[in-house]
N, C-alpha and C. Protein backbone atom coordinates (compact mmCIF):
# COMPACT_ATOMS: atom_id res chain seq x y z
N MET A 1 46.81 -79.55 -88.46
CA MET A 1 47.16 -78.18 -88.08
C MET A 1 47.74 -78.19 -86.67
N VAL A 2 48.87 -77.49 -86.51
CA VAL A 2 49.46 -77.39 -85.18
C VAL A 2 49.23 -75.98 -84.62
N ILE A 3 49.23 -75.90 -83.31
CA ILE A 3 49.08 -74.62 -82.63
C ILE A 3 50.45 -73.98 -82.48
N GLY A 4 50.53 -72.70 -82.81
CA GLY A 4 51.75 -71.93 -82.64
C GLY A 4 51.51 -70.78 -81.68
N SER A 5 52.53 -70.41 -80.94
CA SER A 5 52.41 -69.29 -80.00
C SER A 5 53.10 -68.06 -80.59
N HIS A 6 52.32 -67.00 -80.74
CA HIS A 6 52.84 -65.73 -81.25
C HIS A 6 53.72 -65.08 -80.18
N ASN A 7 54.90 -64.60 -80.58
CA ASN A 7 55.85 -64.01 -79.63
C ASN A 7 56.02 -64.92 -78.42
N SER A 8 56.53 -66.10 -78.67
CA SER A 8 56.56 -67.19 -77.69
C SER A 8 57.30 -66.86 -76.40
N TRP A 9 58.32 -66.02 -76.48
CA TRP A 9 59.13 -65.72 -75.29
C TRP A 9 58.65 -64.45 -74.57
N SER A 10 57.50 -63.93 -74.94
CA SER A 10 57.03 -62.69 -74.32
C SER A 10 56.47 -62.88 -72.92
N PHE A 11 56.47 -64.11 -72.41
CA PHE A 11 56.11 -64.35 -71.01
C PHE A 11 57.22 -63.86 -70.08
N ARG A 12 58.40 -63.64 -70.62
CA ARG A 12 59.54 -63.19 -69.81
C ARG A 12 59.33 -61.75 -69.33
N ARG A 13 60.05 -61.37 -68.30
CA ARG A 13 59.98 -60.01 -67.76
C ARG A 13 60.78 -59.05 -68.64
N ALA A 14 60.32 -57.81 -68.71
CA ALA A 14 61.04 -56.79 -69.46
C ALA A 14 62.41 -56.56 -68.83
N ARG A 15 63.43 -56.40 -69.66
CA ARG A 15 64.79 -56.15 -69.15
C ARG A 15 64.89 -54.77 -68.51
N ARG A 16 64.24 -53.78 -69.12
CA ARG A 16 64.31 -52.41 -68.60
C ARG A 16 63.17 -52.19 -67.60
N TRP A 17 63.50 -51.80 -66.40
CA TRP A 17 62.50 -51.68 -65.33
C TRP A 17 61.40 -50.69 -65.66
N TRP A 18 61.74 -49.61 -66.37
CA TRP A 18 60.74 -48.59 -66.64
C TRP A 18 59.70 -49.03 -67.68
N LEU A 19 59.96 -50.12 -68.38
CA LEU A 19 58.98 -50.64 -69.33
C LEU A 19 58.07 -51.70 -68.70
N ARG A 20 58.41 -52.17 -67.51
CA ARG A 20 57.62 -53.25 -66.89
C ARG A 20 56.16 -52.89 -66.68
N PRO A 21 55.81 -51.64 -66.33
CA PRO A 21 54.38 -51.34 -66.19
C PRO A 21 53.60 -51.46 -67.51
N PHE A 22 54.32 -51.49 -68.64
CA PHE A 22 53.67 -51.55 -69.95
C PHE A 22 53.76 -52.92 -70.60
N GLN A 23 54.20 -53.90 -69.84
CA GLN A 23 54.36 -55.24 -70.40
C GLN A 23 53.06 -55.80 -70.98
N PHE A 24 51.92 -55.40 -70.42
CA PHE A 24 50.65 -55.93 -70.91
C PHE A 24 50.46 -55.64 -72.40
N VAL A 25 51.11 -54.59 -72.90
CA VAL A 25 50.97 -54.24 -74.31
C VAL A 25 51.74 -55.22 -75.20
N ALA A 26 52.89 -55.66 -74.74
CA ALA A 26 53.76 -56.51 -75.55
C ALA A 26 53.70 -57.99 -75.17
N ARG A 27 53.07 -58.30 -74.06
CA ARG A 27 52.98 -59.71 -73.63
C ARG A 27 51.93 -60.42 -74.47
N CYS A 28 52.37 -61.52 -75.09
CA CYS A 28 51.47 -62.31 -75.91
C CYS A 28 51.31 -63.72 -75.37
N GLN A 29 52.15 -64.10 -74.41
CA GLN A 29 52.07 -65.42 -73.77
C GLN A 29 52.27 -65.27 -72.27
N ARG A 30 51.61 -66.13 -71.52
CA ARG A 30 51.72 -66.08 -70.07
C ARG A 30 52.54 -67.24 -69.52
N VAL A 31 52.65 -68.34 -70.26
CA VAL A 31 53.33 -69.53 -69.75
C VAL A 31 54.63 -69.78 -70.51
N ASP A 32 55.56 -70.46 -69.82
CA ASP A 32 56.90 -70.68 -70.41
C ASP A 32 56.86 -71.70 -71.53
N ILE A 33 57.99 -71.86 -72.18
CA ILE A 33 58.10 -72.70 -73.38
C ILE A 33 57.71 -74.15 -73.09
N ARG A 34 58.18 -74.70 -71.99
CA ARG A 34 57.86 -76.10 -71.67
C ARG A 34 56.37 -76.29 -71.44
N ARG A 35 55.74 -75.38 -70.74
CA ARG A 35 54.30 -75.48 -70.51
C ARG A 35 53.52 -75.26 -71.80
N GLN A 36 54.01 -74.35 -72.65
CA GLN A 36 53.35 -74.17 -73.94
C GLN A 36 53.32 -75.49 -74.69
N TYR A 37 54.43 -76.21 -74.67
CA TYR A 37 54.54 -77.49 -75.36
C TYR A 37 53.72 -78.58 -74.65
N ASP A 38 54.03 -78.80 -73.36
CA ASP A 38 53.46 -79.93 -72.62
C ASP A 38 51.97 -79.79 -72.35
N GLU A 39 51.54 -78.62 -71.92
CA GLU A 39 50.15 -78.46 -71.47
C GLU A 39 49.21 -77.94 -72.55
N TYR A 40 49.73 -77.19 -73.52
CA TYR A 40 48.85 -76.54 -74.49
C TYR A 40 49.11 -76.96 -75.93
N GLY A 41 49.98 -77.95 -76.12
CA GLY A 41 50.15 -78.55 -77.44
C GLY A 41 50.85 -77.70 -78.48
N VAL A 42 51.58 -76.68 -78.06
CA VAL A 42 52.27 -75.81 -79.02
C VAL A 42 53.37 -76.61 -79.72
N ARG A 43 53.37 -76.50 -81.04
CA ARG A 43 54.41 -77.15 -81.85
C ARG A 43 55.08 -76.17 -82.81
N CYS A 44 54.72 -74.90 -82.68
CA CYS A 44 55.42 -73.85 -83.44
C CYS A 44 55.66 -72.68 -82.50
N PHE A 45 56.90 -72.27 -82.41
CA PHE A 45 57.30 -71.16 -81.55
C PHE A 45 57.75 -69.99 -82.42
N ASP A 46 57.42 -68.79 -81.98
CA ASP A 46 57.67 -67.57 -82.73
C ASP A 46 58.76 -66.79 -82.00
N LEU A 47 59.96 -66.76 -82.56
CA LEU A 47 61.12 -66.15 -81.93
C LEU A 47 61.46 -64.84 -82.63
N ARG A 48 61.46 -63.74 -81.88
CA ARG A 48 61.78 -62.41 -82.41
C ARG A 48 63.10 -61.96 -81.81
N ILE A 49 64.14 -61.85 -82.64
CA ILE A 49 65.46 -61.47 -82.13
C ILE A 49 66.04 -60.31 -82.93
N ARG A 50 66.89 -59.56 -82.28
CA ARG A 50 67.71 -58.55 -82.95
C ARG A 50 69.02 -58.46 -82.18
N PHE A 51 69.92 -57.64 -82.71
CA PHE A 51 71.25 -57.52 -82.12
C PHE A 51 71.58 -56.05 -81.95
N ASP A 52 72.15 -55.72 -80.79
CA ASP A 52 72.50 -54.32 -80.55
C ASP A 52 73.80 -53.98 -81.28
N ASP A 53 74.28 -52.75 -81.09
CA ASP A 53 75.49 -52.30 -81.80
C ASP A 53 76.74 -53.09 -81.42
N ASN A 54 76.69 -53.76 -80.28
CA ASN A 54 77.82 -54.60 -79.84
C ASN A 54 77.64 -56.05 -80.26
N GLY A 55 76.60 -56.33 -81.03
CA GLY A 55 76.36 -57.70 -81.49
C GLY A 55 75.72 -58.59 -80.44
N GLN A 56 75.17 -58.00 -79.38
CA GLN A 56 74.52 -58.79 -78.33
C GLN A 56 73.09 -59.12 -78.73
N LEU A 57 72.74 -60.40 -78.61
CA LEU A 57 71.40 -60.86 -78.96
C LEU A 57 70.37 -60.32 -77.98
N GLN A 58 69.23 -59.91 -78.52
CA GLN A 58 68.09 -59.47 -77.72
C GLN A 58 66.85 -60.19 -78.23
N VAL A 59 66.08 -60.75 -77.30
CA VAL A 59 64.75 -61.26 -77.64
C VAL A 59 63.82 -60.09 -77.37
N ALA A 60 63.06 -59.68 -78.38
CA ALA A 60 62.32 -58.42 -78.27
C ALA A 60 60.96 -58.51 -78.95
N HIS A 61 60.14 -57.52 -78.63
CA HIS A 61 58.85 -57.30 -79.30
C HIS A 61 58.65 -55.79 -79.30
N GLY A 62 58.93 -55.14 -80.43
CA GLY A 62 58.87 -53.69 -80.49
C GLY A 62 59.90 -53.08 -79.56
N LEU A 63 59.47 -52.17 -78.70
CA LEU A 63 60.38 -51.54 -77.73
C LEU A 63 60.76 -52.46 -76.59
N MET A 64 59.98 -53.50 -76.37
CA MET A 64 60.17 -54.39 -75.23
C MET A 64 61.31 -55.37 -75.52
N VAL A 65 62.34 -55.32 -74.68
CA VAL A 65 63.43 -56.30 -74.73
C VAL A 65 63.28 -57.16 -73.49
N TYR A 66 63.29 -58.47 -73.67
CA TYR A 66 63.02 -59.38 -72.57
C TYR A 66 64.29 -59.79 -71.84
N ASP A 67 64.11 -60.08 -70.57
CA ASP A 67 65.22 -60.45 -69.70
C ASP A 67 65.52 -61.94 -69.86
N ILE A 68 66.25 -62.24 -70.92
CA ILE A 68 66.65 -63.62 -71.20
C ILE A 68 68.04 -63.57 -71.84
N SER A 69 68.93 -64.39 -71.32
CA SER A 69 70.30 -64.42 -71.86
C SER A 69 70.35 -65.34 -73.07
N ARG A 70 71.42 -65.21 -73.81
CA ARG A 70 71.63 -66.09 -74.97
C ARG A 70 71.69 -67.55 -74.52
N ASP A 71 72.33 -67.81 -73.38
CA ASP A 71 72.41 -69.18 -72.86
C ASP A 71 71.03 -69.73 -72.51
N GLU A 72 70.19 -68.91 -71.89
CA GLU A 72 68.83 -69.35 -71.55
C GLU A 72 68.03 -69.65 -72.80
N LEU A 73 68.16 -68.81 -73.82
CA LEU A 73 67.47 -69.05 -75.08
C LEU A 73 67.96 -70.35 -75.70
N GLU A 74 69.26 -70.58 -75.67
CA GLU A 74 69.80 -71.81 -76.26
C GLU A 74 69.33 -73.05 -75.51
N LYS A 75 69.15 -72.95 -74.20
CA LYS A 75 68.60 -74.08 -73.44
C LYS A 75 67.17 -74.38 -73.88
N ASP A 76 66.38 -73.32 -74.07
CA ASP A 76 65.01 -73.52 -74.55
C ASP A 76 65.02 -74.18 -75.93
N LEU A 77 65.87 -73.69 -76.82
CA LEU A 77 65.92 -74.26 -78.17
C LEU A 77 66.41 -75.71 -78.15
N ALA A 78 67.37 -76.02 -77.30
CA ALA A 78 67.85 -77.40 -77.18
C ALA A 78 66.72 -78.31 -76.68
N TRP A 79 65.91 -77.80 -75.77
CA TRP A 79 64.77 -78.58 -75.26
C TRP A 79 63.75 -78.80 -76.36
N ILE A 80 63.45 -77.76 -77.13
CA ILE A 80 62.52 -77.89 -78.26
C ILE A 80 63.09 -78.88 -79.28
N ASP A 81 64.37 -78.75 -79.57
CA ASP A 81 65.05 -79.61 -80.54
C ASP A 81 64.95 -81.08 -80.15
N SER A 82 65.02 -81.36 -78.86
CA SER A 82 65.01 -82.75 -78.40
C SER A 82 63.71 -83.49 -78.73
N HIS A 83 62.65 -82.76 -79.01
CA HIS A 83 61.36 -83.38 -79.32
C HIS A 83 61.21 -83.73 -80.80
N LYS A 84 61.97 -83.09 -81.66
CA LYS A 84 61.98 -83.39 -83.10
C LYS A 84 60.63 -83.24 -83.79
N ASP A 85 59.75 -82.39 -83.24
CA ASP A 85 58.42 -82.26 -83.85
C ASP A 85 57.94 -80.81 -83.88
N CYS A 86 58.88 -79.86 -83.87
CA CYS A 86 58.47 -78.46 -83.75
C CYS A 86 59.03 -77.58 -84.87
N TYR A 87 58.27 -76.53 -85.14
CA TYR A 87 58.72 -75.42 -85.98
C TYR A 87 59.16 -74.27 -85.07
N VAL A 88 60.09 -73.47 -85.56
CA VAL A 88 60.41 -72.19 -84.93
C VAL A 88 60.47 -71.15 -86.05
N ARG A 89 59.56 -70.19 -85.97
CA ARG A 89 59.60 -69.07 -86.90
C ARG A 89 60.53 -68.02 -86.31
N VAL A 90 61.56 -67.64 -87.07
CA VAL A 90 62.54 -66.67 -86.61
C VAL A 90 62.34 -65.38 -87.40
N ILE A 91 62.10 -64.30 -86.67
CA ILE A 91 61.93 -62.99 -87.29
C ILE A 91 62.99 -62.05 -86.74
N HIS A 92 63.59 -61.29 -87.65
CA HIS A 92 64.56 -60.26 -87.25
C HIS A 92 63.75 -59.06 -86.76
N GLU A 93 63.70 -58.87 -85.46
CA GLU A 93 62.87 -57.84 -84.82
C GLU A 93 63.56 -56.48 -84.99
N ALA A 94 63.72 -56.10 -86.23
CA ALA A 94 64.33 -54.82 -86.60
C ALA A 94 63.25 -54.01 -87.32
N ARG A 95 62.72 -53.00 -86.64
CA ARG A 95 61.58 -52.25 -87.17
C ARG A 95 61.98 -50.90 -87.76
N THR A 96 63.18 -50.43 -87.48
CA THR A 96 63.63 -49.14 -87.96
C THR A 96 64.93 -49.33 -88.75
N ALA A 97 65.31 -48.30 -89.51
CA ALA A 97 66.57 -48.37 -90.26
C ALA A 97 67.74 -48.56 -89.31
N ASN A 98 67.69 -47.91 -88.17
CA ASN A 98 68.77 -48.03 -87.19
C ASN A 98 68.87 -49.46 -86.65
N GLN A 99 67.72 -50.07 -86.34
CA GLN A 99 67.73 -51.45 -85.84
C GLN A 99 68.11 -52.44 -86.94
N HIS A 100 67.79 -52.08 -88.19
CA HIS A 100 68.12 -52.95 -89.31
C HIS A 100 69.50 -52.59 -89.87
N SER A 101 70.42 -52.39 -88.98
CA SER A 101 71.78 -51.99 -89.34
C SER A 101 72.56 -53.17 -89.92
N PRO A 102 73.66 -52.90 -90.61
CA PRO A 102 74.50 -53.99 -91.10
C PRO A 102 74.98 -54.91 -89.98
N VAL A 103 75.32 -54.33 -88.82
CA VAL A 103 75.78 -55.16 -87.69
C VAL A 103 74.68 -56.13 -87.27
N SER A 104 73.48 -55.59 -87.05
CA SER A 104 72.37 -56.44 -86.62
C SER A 104 72.03 -57.49 -87.67
N THR A 105 72.00 -57.08 -88.93
CA THR A 105 71.66 -58.03 -90.00
C THR A 105 72.71 -59.12 -90.13
N ASN A 106 73.99 -58.76 -90.08
CA ASN A 106 75.05 -59.77 -90.17
C ASN A 106 74.99 -60.74 -89.00
N GLU A 107 74.74 -60.22 -87.80
CA GLU A 107 74.63 -61.09 -86.62
C GLU A 107 73.40 -61.99 -86.73
N PHE A 108 72.31 -61.45 -87.25
CA PHE A 108 71.10 -62.25 -87.44
C PHE A 108 71.38 -63.42 -88.40
N VAL A 109 72.02 -63.14 -89.51
CA VAL A 109 72.37 -64.19 -90.48
C VAL A 109 73.27 -65.23 -89.83
N ARG A 110 74.28 -64.78 -89.10
CA ARG A 110 75.20 -65.71 -88.42
C ARG A 110 74.43 -66.58 -87.43
N TRP A 111 73.54 -65.96 -86.65
CA TRP A 111 72.78 -66.71 -85.65
C TRP A 111 71.91 -67.76 -86.34
N CYS A 112 71.23 -67.39 -87.43
CA CYS A 112 70.37 -68.34 -88.14
C CYS A 112 71.17 -69.52 -88.67
N ARG A 113 72.32 -69.27 -89.27
CA ARG A 113 73.16 -70.36 -89.78
C ARG A 113 73.56 -71.32 -88.66
N GLU A 114 73.97 -70.75 -87.53
CA GLU A 114 74.38 -71.58 -86.39
C GLU A 114 73.21 -72.38 -85.84
N ALA A 115 72.04 -71.76 -85.76
CA ALA A 115 70.86 -72.45 -85.21
C ALA A 115 70.47 -73.63 -86.08
N VAL A 116 70.46 -73.45 -87.39
CA VAL A 116 70.10 -74.54 -88.31
C VAL A 116 71.07 -75.70 -88.16
N SER A 117 72.34 -75.39 -88.00
CA SER A 117 73.36 -76.42 -87.85
C SER A 117 73.27 -77.13 -86.50
N LYS A 118 73.00 -76.36 -85.46
CA LYS A 118 73.01 -76.89 -84.09
C LYS A 118 71.73 -77.62 -83.72
N TYR A 119 70.58 -77.13 -84.17
CA TYR A 119 69.28 -77.69 -83.78
C TYR A 119 68.60 -78.32 -84.98
N GLN A 120 69.09 -79.47 -85.38
CA GLN A 120 68.62 -80.11 -86.61
C GLN A 120 67.26 -80.77 -86.46
N GLY A 121 66.76 -80.87 -85.24
CA GLY A 121 65.43 -81.42 -85.02
C GLY A 121 64.33 -80.38 -85.09
N ILE A 122 64.68 -79.12 -85.34
CA ILE A 122 63.71 -78.03 -85.45
C ILE A 122 63.57 -77.63 -86.91
N GLU A 123 62.34 -77.41 -87.35
CA GLU A 123 62.07 -76.87 -88.68
C GLU A 123 62.04 -75.34 -88.55
N PHE A 124 63.15 -74.69 -88.83
CA PHE A 124 63.21 -73.23 -88.80
C PHE A 124 62.61 -72.67 -90.10
N TRP A 125 61.97 -71.52 -89.98
CA TRP A 125 61.42 -70.86 -91.17
C TRP A 125 61.30 -69.36 -90.96
N CYS A 126 61.05 -68.65 -92.00
CA CYS A 126 60.84 -67.21 -92.13
C CYS A 126 62.16 -66.49 -92.42
N GLY A 127 62.82 -65.85 -91.43
CA GLY A 127 64.05 -65.11 -91.70
C GLY A 127 63.85 -63.69 -92.18
N ARG A 128 62.61 -63.20 -92.13
CA ARG A 128 62.32 -61.83 -92.58
C ARG A 128 62.58 -60.83 -91.46
N ASN A 129 62.73 -59.58 -91.86
CA ASN A 129 62.85 -58.49 -90.89
C ASN A 129 61.54 -57.72 -90.85
N LEU A 130 61.33 -56.95 -89.79
CA LEU A 130 60.11 -56.16 -89.64
C LEU A 130 60.25 -54.74 -90.17
N TYR A 131 61.41 -54.40 -90.71
CA TYR A 131 61.62 -53.08 -91.27
C TYR A 131 60.94 -52.96 -92.64
N ASP A 132 61.24 -53.90 -93.53
CA ASP A 132 60.61 -53.87 -94.85
C ASP A 132 60.07 -55.24 -95.28
N TRP A 133 60.03 -56.18 -94.35
CA TRP A 133 59.48 -57.53 -94.54
C TRP A 133 60.17 -58.29 -95.68
N THR A 134 61.46 -58.00 -95.88
CA THR A 134 62.24 -58.78 -96.83
C THR A 134 63.04 -59.84 -96.05
N TYR A 135 63.57 -60.80 -96.80
CA TYR A 135 64.35 -61.86 -96.17
C TYR A 135 65.76 -61.37 -95.86
N ASP A 136 66.16 -61.47 -94.60
CA ASP A 136 67.55 -61.27 -94.23
C ASP A 136 68.29 -62.60 -94.27
N TYR A 137 67.53 -63.68 -94.09
CA TYR A 137 68.10 -65.03 -94.16
C TYR A 137 67.04 -65.95 -94.75
N CYS A 138 67.46 -66.80 -95.66
CA CYS A 138 66.55 -67.77 -96.26
C CYS A 138 66.90 -69.15 -95.72
N PHE A 139 65.95 -69.78 -95.05
CA PHE A 139 66.21 -71.09 -94.48
C PHE A 139 66.23 -72.20 -95.53
N GLY A 140 65.81 -71.89 -96.75
CA GLY A 140 65.94 -72.84 -97.85
C GLY A 140 64.96 -73.99 -97.79
N ARG A 141 63.87 -73.81 -97.07
CA ARG A 141 62.85 -74.84 -96.99
C ARG A 141 61.52 -74.24 -97.42
N THR A 142 60.62 -75.10 -97.84
CA THR A 142 59.28 -74.63 -98.14
C THR A 142 58.64 -74.19 -96.83
N GLU A 143 58.14 -72.98 -96.82
CA GLU A 143 57.55 -72.47 -95.58
C GLU A 143 56.17 -73.09 -95.35
N PRO A 144 55.86 -73.39 -94.09
CA PRO A 144 54.52 -73.90 -93.80
C PRO A 144 53.47 -72.81 -94.03
N VAL A 145 52.25 -73.23 -94.27
CA VAL A 145 51.14 -72.29 -94.40
C VAL A 145 50.71 -71.91 -92.99
N CYS A 146 50.80 -70.62 -92.68
CA CYS A 146 50.55 -70.15 -91.32
C CYS A 146 49.36 -69.19 -91.30
N GLU A 147 48.37 -69.53 -90.51
CA GLU A 147 47.22 -68.65 -90.28
C GLU A 147 47.53 -67.86 -89.01
N GLU A 148 47.58 -66.53 -89.11
CA GLU A 148 47.91 -65.69 -87.96
C GLU A 148 46.64 -65.08 -87.40
N ARG A 149 46.31 -65.44 -86.15
CA ARG A 149 45.11 -64.95 -85.50
C ARG A 149 45.49 -64.42 -84.12
N TYR A 150 45.92 -63.17 -84.10
CA TYR A 150 46.26 -62.52 -82.83
C TYR A 150 45.96 -61.04 -82.95
N SER A 151 46.01 -60.34 -81.81
CA SER A 151 45.46 -58.99 -81.74
C SER A 151 46.07 -58.02 -82.74
N SER A 152 47.36 -58.08 -82.99
CA SER A 152 47.97 -57.07 -83.84
C SER A 152 47.65 -57.24 -85.33
N VAL A 153 47.15 -58.41 -85.73
CA VAL A 153 46.75 -58.58 -87.13
C VAL A 153 45.24 -58.66 -87.30
N CYS A 154 44.50 -58.79 -86.21
CA CYS A 154 43.06 -59.04 -86.32
C CYS A 154 42.18 -57.97 -85.70
N THR A 155 42.75 -56.95 -85.09
CA THR A 155 41.91 -55.95 -84.43
C THR A 155 42.04 -54.60 -85.14
N PRO A 156 41.06 -53.71 -84.96
CA PRO A 156 41.19 -52.36 -85.54
C PRO A 156 42.43 -51.66 -84.99
N LYS A 157 42.99 -50.76 -85.76
CA LYS A 157 44.23 -50.10 -85.38
C LYS A 157 44.14 -49.40 -84.01
N LEU A 158 42.97 -48.99 -83.61
CA LEU A 158 42.82 -48.36 -82.30
C LEU A 158 43.24 -49.31 -81.18
N LEU A 159 42.98 -50.59 -81.37
CA LEU A 159 43.31 -51.59 -80.36
C LEU A 159 44.59 -52.35 -80.68
N ASP A 160 45.18 -52.05 -81.82
CA ASP A 160 46.33 -52.80 -82.30
C ASP A 160 47.40 -52.95 -81.23
N ASP A 161 47.69 -54.17 -80.87
CA ASP A 161 48.74 -54.51 -79.91
C ASP A 161 48.47 -54.06 -78.48
N TRP A 162 47.34 -53.44 -78.19
CA TRP A 162 47.11 -52.94 -76.83
C TRP A 162 46.54 -53.99 -75.91
N TRP A 163 45.72 -54.89 -76.43
CA TRP A 163 45.03 -55.83 -75.56
C TRP A 163 45.14 -57.26 -76.05
N PRO A 164 46.34 -57.82 -76.18
CA PRO A 164 46.44 -59.21 -76.66
C PRO A 164 45.69 -60.20 -75.77
N TRP A 165 45.70 -59.98 -74.45
CA TRP A 165 45.01 -60.90 -73.55
C TRP A 165 43.50 -60.87 -73.81
N LEU A 166 42.95 -59.67 -73.94
CA LEU A 166 41.52 -59.54 -74.17
C LEU A 166 41.13 -60.15 -75.52
N TYR A 167 41.95 -59.88 -76.54
CA TYR A 167 41.66 -60.47 -77.86
C TYR A 167 41.64 -62.00 -77.75
N ALA A 168 42.63 -62.57 -77.06
CA ALA A 168 42.69 -64.03 -76.90
C ALA A 168 41.46 -64.54 -76.16
N ARG A 169 41.09 -63.87 -75.09
CA ARG A 169 39.92 -64.27 -74.30
C ARG A 169 38.65 -64.29 -75.16
N LEU A 170 38.50 -63.31 -76.01
CA LEU A 170 37.28 -63.19 -76.81
C LEU A 170 37.29 -64.06 -78.07
N ASN A 171 38.49 -64.40 -78.58
CA ASN A 171 38.54 -64.99 -79.92
C ASN A 171 39.25 -66.33 -80.08
N ASN A 172 40.09 -66.76 -79.13
CA ASN A 172 40.89 -67.96 -79.37
C ASN A 172 40.06 -69.20 -79.69
N LYS A 173 39.03 -69.43 -78.92
CA LYS A 173 38.21 -70.63 -79.13
C LYS A 173 37.61 -70.63 -80.55
N TRP A 174 37.06 -69.50 -80.94
CA TRP A 174 36.47 -69.38 -82.26
C TRP A 174 37.53 -69.48 -83.36
N ASN A 175 38.71 -68.86 -83.15
CA ASN A 175 39.77 -68.90 -84.15
C ASN A 175 40.26 -70.33 -84.39
N ILE A 176 40.37 -71.11 -83.32
CA ILE A 176 40.78 -72.52 -83.48
C ILE A 176 39.75 -73.27 -84.31
N LYS A 177 38.50 -73.12 -83.95
CA LYS A 177 37.42 -73.82 -84.66
C LYS A 177 37.37 -73.42 -86.13
N GLU A 178 37.46 -72.12 -86.39
CA GLU A 178 37.41 -71.65 -87.77
C GLU A 178 38.61 -72.14 -88.58
N SER A 179 39.81 -72.11 -87.99
CA SER A 179 41.01 -72.55 -88.71
C SER A 179 40.97 -74.04 -89.00
N GLN A 180 40.39 -74.82 -88.09
CA GLN A 180 40.27 -76.26 -88.32
C GLN A 180 39.31 -76.58 -89.46
N SER A 181 38.38 -75.67 -89.73
CA SER A 181 37.40 -75.93 -90.80
C SER A 181 37.82 -75.34 -92.15
N MET A 182 38.96 -74.64 -92.19
CA MET A 182 39.41 -74.03 -93.45
C MET A 182 39.81 -75.11 -94.45
N GLU A 183 39.57 -74.82 -95.72
CA GLU A 183 40.00 -75.72 -96.80
C GLU A 183 40.84 -74.92 -97.79
N PRO A 184 42.08 -75.25 -98.02
CA PRO A 184 42.82 -76.27 -97.27
C PRO A 184 43.16 -75.76 -95.87
N GLN A 185 43.37 -76.68 -94.98
CA GLN A 185 43.69 -76.33 -93.61
C GLN A 185 45.14 -75.84 -93.52
N PRO A 186 45.38 -74.75 -92.78
CA PRO A 186 46.77 -74.28 -92.63
C PRO A 186 47.60 -75.29 -91.84
N ASP A 187 48.91 -75.22 -92.03
CA ASP A 187 49.81 -76.09 -91.26
C ASP A 187 49.88 -75.63 -89.80
N ILE A 188 49.82 -74.30 -89.60
CA ILE A 188 50.02 -73.71 -88.28
C ILE A 188 48.97 -72.64 -88.03
N LEU A 189 48.44 -72.62 -86.81
CA LEU A 189 47.62 -71.51 -86.34
C LEU A 189 48.43 -70.80 -85.26
N LEU A 190 48.84 -69.56 -85.54
CA LEU A 190 49.65 -68.78 -84.62
C LEU A 190 48.74 -67.85 -83.83
N MET A 191 48.81 -67.91 -82.47
CA MET A 191 47.89 -67.12 -81.67
C MET A 191 48.50 -66.63 -80.36
N ASP A 192 47.89 -65.60 -79.80
CA ASP A 192 48.27 -65.07 -78.50
C ASP A 192 47.71 -65.96 -77.40
N TYR A 193 48.37 -65.95 -76.26
CA TYR A 193 47.88 -66.63 -75.04
C TYR A 193 47.31 -68.02 -75.34
N VAL A 194 48.22 -68.93 -75.67
CA VAL A 194 47.80 -70.29 -76.01
C VAL A 194 47.11 -71.00 -74.84
N ASN A 195 47.29 -70.50 -73.63
CA ASN A 195 46.64 -71.11 -72.47
C ASN A 195 45.16 -70.73 -72.36
N ILE A 196 44.70 -69.81 -73.20
CA ILE A 196 43.30 -69.41 -73.20
C ILE A 196 42.59 -70.06 -74.37
N ARG A 197 41.66 -70.96 -74.07
CA ARG A 197 40.94 -71.68 -75.14
C ARG A 197 39.45 -71.55 -74.96
């Protein structure tokens, strides 16, 4: 079983200044991609992308759009690719009909095709959107078995997505132990704040 980081790029700063005071709600990781890999053993990264009406890529989590350029994202992916031992789950971060527009969906499909061709050392998977959880792109591979243990799937709706750090502090150690003892064991354990064990 490998450790995966939920919303792997959420350590980045919010692009819109007025959302920065609320980053704690959408932040699921505190350390950058290289530290996630080198120091905390992450071998699966969770990438949430969408495209605006002009076809510009955004790394996002709900309302939060992160301050990262397409070039910076590609550098991270090239670095991950160079190790030849990682998964990247790609989700179309389109939660509304407006976000799940034909422009965004077409750009998402184009981006996925290019990524698979360019980063052949990465096992890409998923390709679903968050609007209706259908596939916008099929990577054509058997998907790994993924156990998801993070605040938005494991806490009561009152706390849903509000306290990822607190959830990680209280549960990560136990979640790792429990997932390691599962039969059959999942391929990936996806969690918030991989630096908290």
